[in-house]
Protein backbone atom coordinates (compact mmCIF):
# COMPACT_ATOMS: atom_id res chain seq x y z
CA MET A 1 -20.28 15.52 -7.94
CA ARG A 2 -20.21 12.90 -5.17
CA ALA A 3 -17.03 12.04 -3.33
CA MET A 4 -15.66 10.34 -0.22
CA THR A 5 -14.94 13.24 2.12
CA VAL A 6 -13.70 13.84 5.64
CA THR A 7 -13.04 16.94 7.69
CA PRO A 8 -9.31 16.93 8.45
CA GLY A 9 -8.57 16.68 12.14
CA LYS A 10 -12.16 15.81 13.06
CA SER A 11 -13.02 12.27 14.05
CA ASP A 12 -15.93 10.36 12.54
CA SER A 13 -16.54 12.95 9.81
CA ALA A 14 -16.72 10.48 6.92
CA THR A 15 -19.56 11.30 4.55
CA VAL A 16 -20.66 11.32 0.93
CA GLY A 17 -19.78 14.91 0.09
CA ASP A 18 -20.97 17.09 -2.76
CA VAL A 19 -17.81 18.63 -4.21
CA PRO A 20 -16.93 20.72 -7.28
CA GLU A 21 -15.62 19.17 -10.47
CA PRO A 22 -11.89 18.43 -10.25
CA PRO A 23 -9.79 21.49 -11.09
CA VAL A 24 -7.58 21.50 -14.18
CA VAL A 25 -4.59 22.19 -11.91
CA ASP A 26 -4.81 18.53 -10.84
CA GLY A 27 -3.92 17.40 -14.35
CA SER A 28 -4.93 17.40 -17.99
CA ILE A 29 -6.41 13.88 -17.95
CA LEU A 30 -10.05 13.68 -16.85
CA VAL A 31 -10.93 10.30 -15.36
CA GLU A 32 -14.15 8.56 -14.38
CA GLY A 33 -13.57 7.07 -10.95
CA LEU A 34 -14.30 3.34 -10.87
CA LEU A 35 -12.92 1.89 -7.64
CA THR A 36 -10.85 2.94 -4.68
CA GLY A 37 -9.43 0.71 -1.99
CA ILE A 38 -9.70 1.23 1.75
CA CYS A 39 -6.62 0.76 3.94
CA GLY A 40 -5.35 1.61 7.39
CA THR A 41 -4.31 5.09 6.27
CA ASP A 42 -7.93 5.88 5.43
CA LEU A 43 -9.03 4.69 8.87
CA GLU A 44 -6.53 7.07 10.47
CA LEU A 45 -7.71 9.94 8.26
CA VAL A 46 -11.30 9.29 9.34
CA SER A 47 -10.21 9.18 12.99
CA GLY A 48 -8.76 12.68 12.62
CA ALA A 49 -5.26 11.47 13.51
CA PHE A 50 -3.77 13.30 10.52
CA GLY A 51 -4.59 14.53 7.04
CA SER A 52 -4.97 17.94 5.44
CA GLY A 53 -7.03 19.29 2.57
CA ARG A 54 -6.20 21.80 -0.12
CA PRO A 55 -5.10 25.14 1.33
CA GLY A 56 -8.23 26.94 2.49
CA ALA A 57 -10.51 23.92 2.09
CA ASP A 58 -12.60 22.60 4.98
CA HIS A 59 -12.76 19.06 3.61
CA LEU A 60 -10.52 16.42 2.07
CA VAL A 61 -11.53 13.98 -0.65
CA ILE A 62 -9.83 10.78 0.42
CA GLY A 63 -8.98 7.67 -1.58
CA HIS A 64 -5.40 7.01 -2.65
CA GLU A 65 -5.77 3.45 -4.00
CA SER A 66 -7.32 4.25 -7.36
CA LEU A 67 -8.71 2.85 -10.56
CA GLY A 68 -10.43 4.92 -13.21
CA ARG A 69 -11.30 5.12 -16.87
CA VAL A 70 -10.01 8.01 -18.98
CA LEU A 71 -12.73 10.37 -20.24
CA GLU A 72 -10.53 13.04 -21.79
CA ALA A 73 -6.80 13.12 -22.50
CA PRO A 74 -4.70 15.60 -24.49
CA ALA A 75 -2.92 14.55 -27.65
CA GLY A 76 0.57 13.25 -26.95
CA SER A 77 -0.25 12.28 -23.35
CA GLY A 78 0.01 8.57 -24.05
CA PHE A 79 -3.58 8.05 -22.95
CA ALA A 80 -6.90 7.92 -24.77
CA PRO A 81 -10.56 7.82 -23.73
CA GLY A 82 -11.47 4.37 -22.45
CA ASP A 83 -8.03 3.55 -21.06
CA LEU A 84 -7.84 2.22 -17.53
CA VAL A 85 -5.54 4.18 -15.26
CA ALA A 86 -4.32 4.38 -11.66
CA GLY A 87 -2.93 7.51 -10.07
CA VAL A 88 0.37 7.88 -8.25
CA VAL A 89 -0.18 9.06 -4.67
CA ARG A 90 2.76 11.31 -3.80
CA ARG A 91 3.93 14.49 -5.54
CA PRO A 92 7.44 15.92 -5.16
CA ASP A 93 8.00 18.93 -2.98
CA PRO A 94 8.20 22.31 -4.77
CA VAL A 95 11.78 23.12 -3.74
CA PRO A 96 12.62 20.32 -4.72
CA CYS A 97 14.84 18.42 -2.31
CA PRO A 98 17.64 16.33 -3.87
CA ALA A 99 15.56 13.15 -3.67
CA CYS A 100 12.43 14.68 -5.20
CA ALA A 101 14.53 16.28 -7.95
CA ARG A 102 15.61 12.79 -8.97
CA GLY A 103 12.10 11.33 -9.02
CA GLU A 104 12.54 9.66 -5.62
CA TRP A 105 9.74 11.59 -3.94
CA ASP A 106 9.02 8.65 -1.67
CA PHE A 107 12.35 9.59 -0.03
CA CYS A 108 11.51 13.30 0.29
CA ARG A 109 13.97 14.93 2.68
CA ASN A 110 12.08 18.06 3.76
CA GLY A 111 8.50 16.78 4.16
CA GLN A 112 7.04 19.36 1.78
CA TYR A 113 5.65 16.72 -0.57
CA THR A 114 1.90 16.44 -1.14
CA GLU A 115 -0.20 13.28 -1.40
CA ARG A 116 -3.48 12.63 -3.16
CA GLY A 117 -6.18 11.93 -0.61
CA ILE A 118 -3.85 12.39 2.35
CA LYS A 119 -1.85 15.62 2.44
CA GLU A 120 -2.92 18.93 0.87
CA MET A 121 -4.41 17.34 -2.26
CA ASP A 122 -7.79 15.77 -2.89
CA GLY A 123 -7.71 12.07 -3.57
CA TYR A 124 -9.22 9.69 -6.06
CA GLY A 125 -12.37 8.79 -4.13
CA ALA A 126 -14.71 10.76 -6.39
CA GLU A 127 -16.93 10.18 -9.39
CA ARG A 128 -14.41 12.10 -11.49
CA TRP A 129 -10.81 13.11 -10.92
CA ARG A 130 -7.93 14.60 -12.85
CA VAL A 131 -4.31 13.55 -13.03
CA ASP A 132 -1.19 14.74 -14.78
CA PRO A 133 0.00 12.26 -17.45
CA TYR A 134 3.32 11.85 -15.63
CA PHE A 135 1.51 10.63 -12.51
CA ALA A 136 -0.91 8.38 -14.38
CA VAL A 137 -0.16 4.65 -14.47
CA PRO A 138 -1.50 2.66 -17.44
CA VAL A 139 -3.54 -0.34 -16.30
CA PRO A 140 -3.81 -3.09 -18.94
CA ALA A 141 -7.33 -4.10 -19.91
CA ALA A 142 -6.38 -7.66 -18.97
CA LEU A 143 -6.27 -6.60 -15.31
CA GLY A 144 -9.66 -4.89 -15.44
CA GLU A 145 -11.01 -3.97 -12.03
CA LEU A 146 -8.14 -5.77 -10.32
CA GLY A 147 -6.16 -2.65 -11.28
CA VAL A 148 -7.36 -1.19 -7.97
CA LEU A 149 -4.60 -3.33 -6.41
CA VAL A 150 -1.83 -1.51 -8.29
CA GLU A 151 -1.16 1.06 -5.56
CA PRO A 152 -0.95 -1.39 -2.63
CA ALA A 153 1.15 -3.73 -4.77
CA SER A 154 3.53 -0.83 -5.49
CA ILE A 155 4.25 -0.59 -1.77
CA LEU A 156 5.54 -4.15 -1.89
CA THR A 157 7.50 -3.89 -5.13
CA LYS A 158 9.33 -1.02 -3.48
CA ALA A 159 9.79 -3.04 -0.27
CA TRP A 160 11.35 -5.91 -2.19
CA GLU A 161 13.58 -3.46 -4.08
CA GLN A 162 14.80 -2.18 -0.72
CA VAL A 163 15.47 -5.71 0.48
CA ASP A 164 17.48 -6.39 -2.68
CA GLN A 165 19.51 -3.21 -2.32
CA VAL A 166 20.32 -3.80 1.34
CA GLY A 167 21.10 -7.44 0.71
CA ALA A 168 23.45 -6.50 -2.13
CA ARG A 169 25.97 -5.11 0.40
CA SER A 170 27.18 -8.72 0.61
CA TRP A 171 26.58 -12.08 -1.02
CA PHE A 172 22.81 -12.50 -0.80
CA ALA A 173 20.78 -15.50 -1.95
CA PRO A 174 17.66 -15.64 0.23
CA GLN A 175 15.63 -18.83 0.37
CA HIS A 176 13.27 -18.48 3.31
CA VAL A 177 10.93 -15.53 3.81
CA LEU A 178 8.71 -14.72 6.77
CA VAL A 179 5.80 -12.32 6.25
CA THR A 180 4.03 -11.03 9.33
CA GLY A 181 0.41 -10.05 8.87
CA ALA A 182 -1.95 -11.59 6.30
CA GLY A 183 -3.79 -8.45 5.31
CA PRO A 184 -3.54 -7.09 1.75
CA ILE A 185 0.03 -5.85 2.23
CA GLY A 186 1.24 -9.10 3.77
CA LEU A 187 -0.47 -11.26 1.17
CA LEU A 188 0.92 -9.19 -1.69
CA ALA A 189 4.38 -9.44 -0.11
CA ALA A 190 3.94 -13.22 -0.01
CA LEU A 191 2.76 -13.25 -3.62
CA ILE A 192 5.94 -11.51 -4.79
CA ALA A 193 8.10 -13.80 -2.67
CA ARG A 194 6.51 -16.86 -4.26
CA GLN A 195 6.90 -15.35 -7.73
CA ARG A 196 10.61 -15.07 -6.91
CA GLY A 197 10.72 -18.74 -5.98
CA TYR A 198 11.23 -18.28 -2.24
CA ASP A 199 9.89 -20.53 0.49
CA VAL A 200 7.31 -18.42 2.33
CA HIS A 201 5.80 -18.54 5.80
CA VAL A 202 3.02 -16.09 6.69
CA LEU A 203 2.19 -15.32 10.31
CA ASP A 204 -1.24 -14.06 11.39
CA ARG A 205 -3.51 -14.51 14.40
CA VAL A 206 -6.56 -15.64 12.38
CA GLU A 207 -6.88 -19.42 12.44
CA ASP A 208 -9.33 -20.04 9.59
CA GLY A 209 -11.16 -18.34 6.73
CA PRO A 210 -9.74 -16.78 3.57
CA LYS A 211 -6.32 -15.76 4.92
CA PRO A 212 -4.84 -19.22 5.52
CA GLU A 213 -6.54 -20.46 2.35
CA LEU A 214 -4.93 -17.73 0.26
CA VAL A 215 -1.47 -18.43 1.70
CA ARG A 216 -1.78 -22.14 1.01
CA ALA A 217 -3.05 -21.44 -2.50
CA LEU A 218 0.25 -19.62 -3.12
CA GLY A 219 2.17 -22.66 -1.95
CA GLY A 220 3.14 -20.92 1.29
CA THR A 221 2.93 -22.06 4.90
CA TYR A 222 0.47 -20.33 7.22
CA ILE A 223 1.33 -20.10 10.91
CA THR A 224 -0.38 -18.50 13.89
CA ASP A 225 2.59 -18.52 16.27
CA LEU A 226 6.29 -17.89 15.77
CA GLY A 227 6.94 -21.13 17.61
CA GLN A 228 5.58 -22.93 14.54
CA LEU A 229 8.31 -21.48 12.32
CA ASP A 230 10.63 -24.33 11.33
CA VAL A 231 13.13 -22.34 9.24
CA VAL A 232 15.45 -19.39 9.77
CA PRO A 233 14.10 -16.51 7.66
CA ASP A 234 16.67 -14.79 5.45
CA VAL A 235 14.14 -11.99 4.88
CA VAL A 236 11.27 -10.74 7.01
CA ILE A 237 8.59 -8.48 5.57
CA GLU A 238 6.86 -6.99 8.61
CA ALA A 239 3.38 -5.68 7.84
CA THR A 240 1.81 -5.22 11.28
CA GLY A 241 3.89 -2.53 13.00
CA ALA A 242 3.36 -4.31 16.33
CA GLY A 243 6.42 -3.52 18.45
CA GLN A 244 6.81 -6.83 20.25
CA LEU A 245 6.44 -8.78 17.03
CA VAL A 246 9.01 -6.57 15.30
CA PHE A 247 11.44 -7.29 18.13
CA ASP A 248 10.75 -11.03 18.11
CA CYS A 249 11.18 -11.32 14.34
CA ALA A 250 14.32 -9.18 14.24
CA SER A 251 15.82 -11.54 16.80
CA LEU A 252 15.35 -14.39 14.31
CA LEU A 253 17.47 -12.86 11.56
CA PRO A 254 20.54 -14.86 10.52
CA PRO A 255 23.88 -13.35 9.50
CA ALA A 256 23.26 -10.68 6.82
CA GLY A 257 19.51 -11.12 7.18
CA VAL A 258 17.22 -8.25 6.19
CA MET A 259 13.96 -7.16 7.78
CA CYS A 260 11.80 -4.64 5.96
CA LEU A 261 9.26 -2.74 8.07
CA ALA A 262 6.19 -1.96 5.95
CA GLY A 263 3.50 -1.67 8.64
CA ILE A 264 2.56 1.01 11.16
CA HIS A 265 0.63 0.16 14.30
CA PRO A 266 -2.67 2.08 14.32
CA GLY A 267 -2.53 3.26 17.90
CA PRO A 268 -0.16 4.25 20.69
CA ALA A 269 1.62 1.32 22.24
CA THR A 270 4.60 0.63 24.44
CA VAL A 271 6.70 -2.48 24.53
CA ASP A 272 9.17 -3.57 27.16
CA VAL A 273 12.05 -5.26 25.36
CA GLN A 274 15.75 -5.76 25.95
CA LEU A 275 16.86 -3.45 23.19
CA ASP A 276 20.51 -3.83 24.01
CA ALA A 277 20.23 -7.58 23.37
CA LEU A 278 18.64 -6.93 19.98
CA VAL A 279 21.32 -4.40 19.06
CA ARG A 280 23.98 -6.96 19.94
CA GLN A 281 22.37 -9.54 17.63
CA LEU A 282 22.02 -7.08 14.75
CA VAL A 283 25.63 -5.94 15.08
CA VAL A 284 27.17 -9.37 15.51
CA ARG A 285 25.14 -10.82 12.64
CA ASN A 286 25.47 -7.89 10.23
CA ALA A 287 21.66 -7.96 10.08
CA ALA A 288 19.66 -4.95 8.91
CA LEU A 289 16.30 -3.36 9.62
CA VAL A 290 14.95 -0.94 7.02
CA GLY A 291 11.71 1.01 6.94
CA THR A 292 9.76 1.75 3.77
CA VAL A 293 6.75 3.89 2.94
CA ASN A 294 4.99 5.02 -0.23
CA ALA A 295 6.36 4.19 -3.70
CA GLY A 296 8.06 5.80 -6.66
CA LYS A 297 6.77 5.80 -10.21
CA ARG A 298 8.78 2.75 -11.29
CA HIS A 299 7.28 0.72 -8.46
CA TYR A 300 3.80 1.21 -9.92
CA ALA A 301 4.97 -0.22 -13.25
CA ASP A 302 6.56 -3.13 -11.38
CA ALA A 303 3.27 -3.64 -9.52
CA VAL A 304 1.38 -3.95 -12.81
CA ASP A 305 3.82 -6.67 -13.89
CA VAL A 306 3.38 -8.53 -10.58
CA LEU A 307 -0.40 -8.47 -10.86
CA LEU A 308 -0.37 -9.57 -14.49
CA ALA A 309 1.81 -12.54 -13.56
CA ALA A 310 -0.45 -13.58 -10.68
CA ASP A 311 -3.33 -16.02 -10.82
CA ARG A 312 -6.42 -13.93 -11.50
CA VAL A 313 -8.70 -16.05 -9.34
CA TRP A 314 -6.29 -15.64 -6.41
CA LEU A 315 -6.25 -11.86 -6.84
CA GLU A 316 -10.04 -11.74 -7.02
CA ARG A 317 -10.19 -13.51 -3.66
CA LEU A 318 -8.16 -10.69 -2.08
CA ILE A 319 -11.09 -8.32 -2.63
CA THR A 320 -13.58 -9.63 -0.11
CA ARG A 321 -16.15 -6.82 -0.13
CA THR A 322 -17.29 -3.99 -2.41
CA VAL A 323 -19.29 -1.08 -0.97
CA PRO A 324 -21.16 1.52 -3.08
CA LEU A 325 -20.07 5.15 -2.89
CA SER A 326 -23.50 6.06 -1.54
CA GLU A 327 -22.72 3.99 1.58
CA TRP A 328 -18.93 4.23 1.63
CA PRO A 329 -18.56 4.81 5.41
CA ASP A 330 -19.71 1.18 5.79
CA ALA A 331 -16.37 0.18 4.26
CA LEU A 332 -14.65 1.51 7.38
CA VAL A 333 -16.35 -1.04 9.63
CA ARG A 334 -14.32 -4.21 9.53
CA GLU A 335 -16.17 -7.48 9.04
CA PRO A 336 -14.76 -10.82 10.27
CA GLU A 337 -13.45 -12.10 6.92
CA ASP A 338 -12.44 -8.78 5.36
CA ILE A 339 -9.12 -8.60 3.57
CA LYS A 340 -9.34 -5.86 0.95
CA VAL A 341 -12.47 -3.71 0.90
CA VAL A 342 -13.08 -1.43 -2.08
CA VAL A 343 -15.57 1.33 -2.82
CA ASP A 344 -17.46 1.36 -6.13
CA LEU A 345 -17.49 5.02 -7.17
CA ARG A 346 -20.22 4.43 -9.76
CA ALA A 347 -22.84 3.18 -7.29
């Protein structure tokens, strides 16, 4: 069986690997892999920055943004052959910690969780994979192949849930939202903001091409410099992880403003900022910065709802390139107008 494999800890080891059929221990549902998305996490796995395979294995099947079609499912599982399905990425730790015991494995306290395609479990980037019914997310036929966006969208449904929960400490009625970064995460954050009726500005360095067009199609405002921002953002969704930009945007927050950090910078960086000045602003304004990573099961269901409510043509424009499994390392090389690149596991 063919799969997208890397050697954990070894740079530039991406290849089309020949791997065994997925073990039953992975779950009772057997799935034909259709598509998997490529994101910054995959680039870091390929670089050897982190990642670990099954205990004793010398390779890792990557791919955590999944879409597949059920081949076999046990009676009573809620699934049947032909159903479209996405797989949840994280699994709770075996202890479990108090968070994992409550189904909040994205808040795991002891770090003993596992993750499909990232940490101690093979991912979904294979011709066939298995998943436990509890960790399988039904994808409506109406979404079709756009179901590959469920996992990245879940990151943003969780991010917005966090914003709501932090904002609820006081009266909170946001109107203006700033999203930094117009990659898939930033654009999906903007999509949800527009679905909520907020005024949205999206900041990115690219001056033309699909990114500004997609923002404008949402009814948002696209800017390439913070100096062009003509509102005070009640909420900032930060999707770049760039230290200076995080500092600059946090400084813009109004009283009780909330900034959600959803991006991680891909490489080492230092930034010289007056942190004491920022702390003063956050304290005096009761503003909050909160980080978020991964997603819980409910966020996947919320992501399906978000995608179903979106304009299908707009979602299709997010996926700018599809690469066959036989040439999947090509998906790692960024092309000028790439937004979301996916791998076709059938080709």
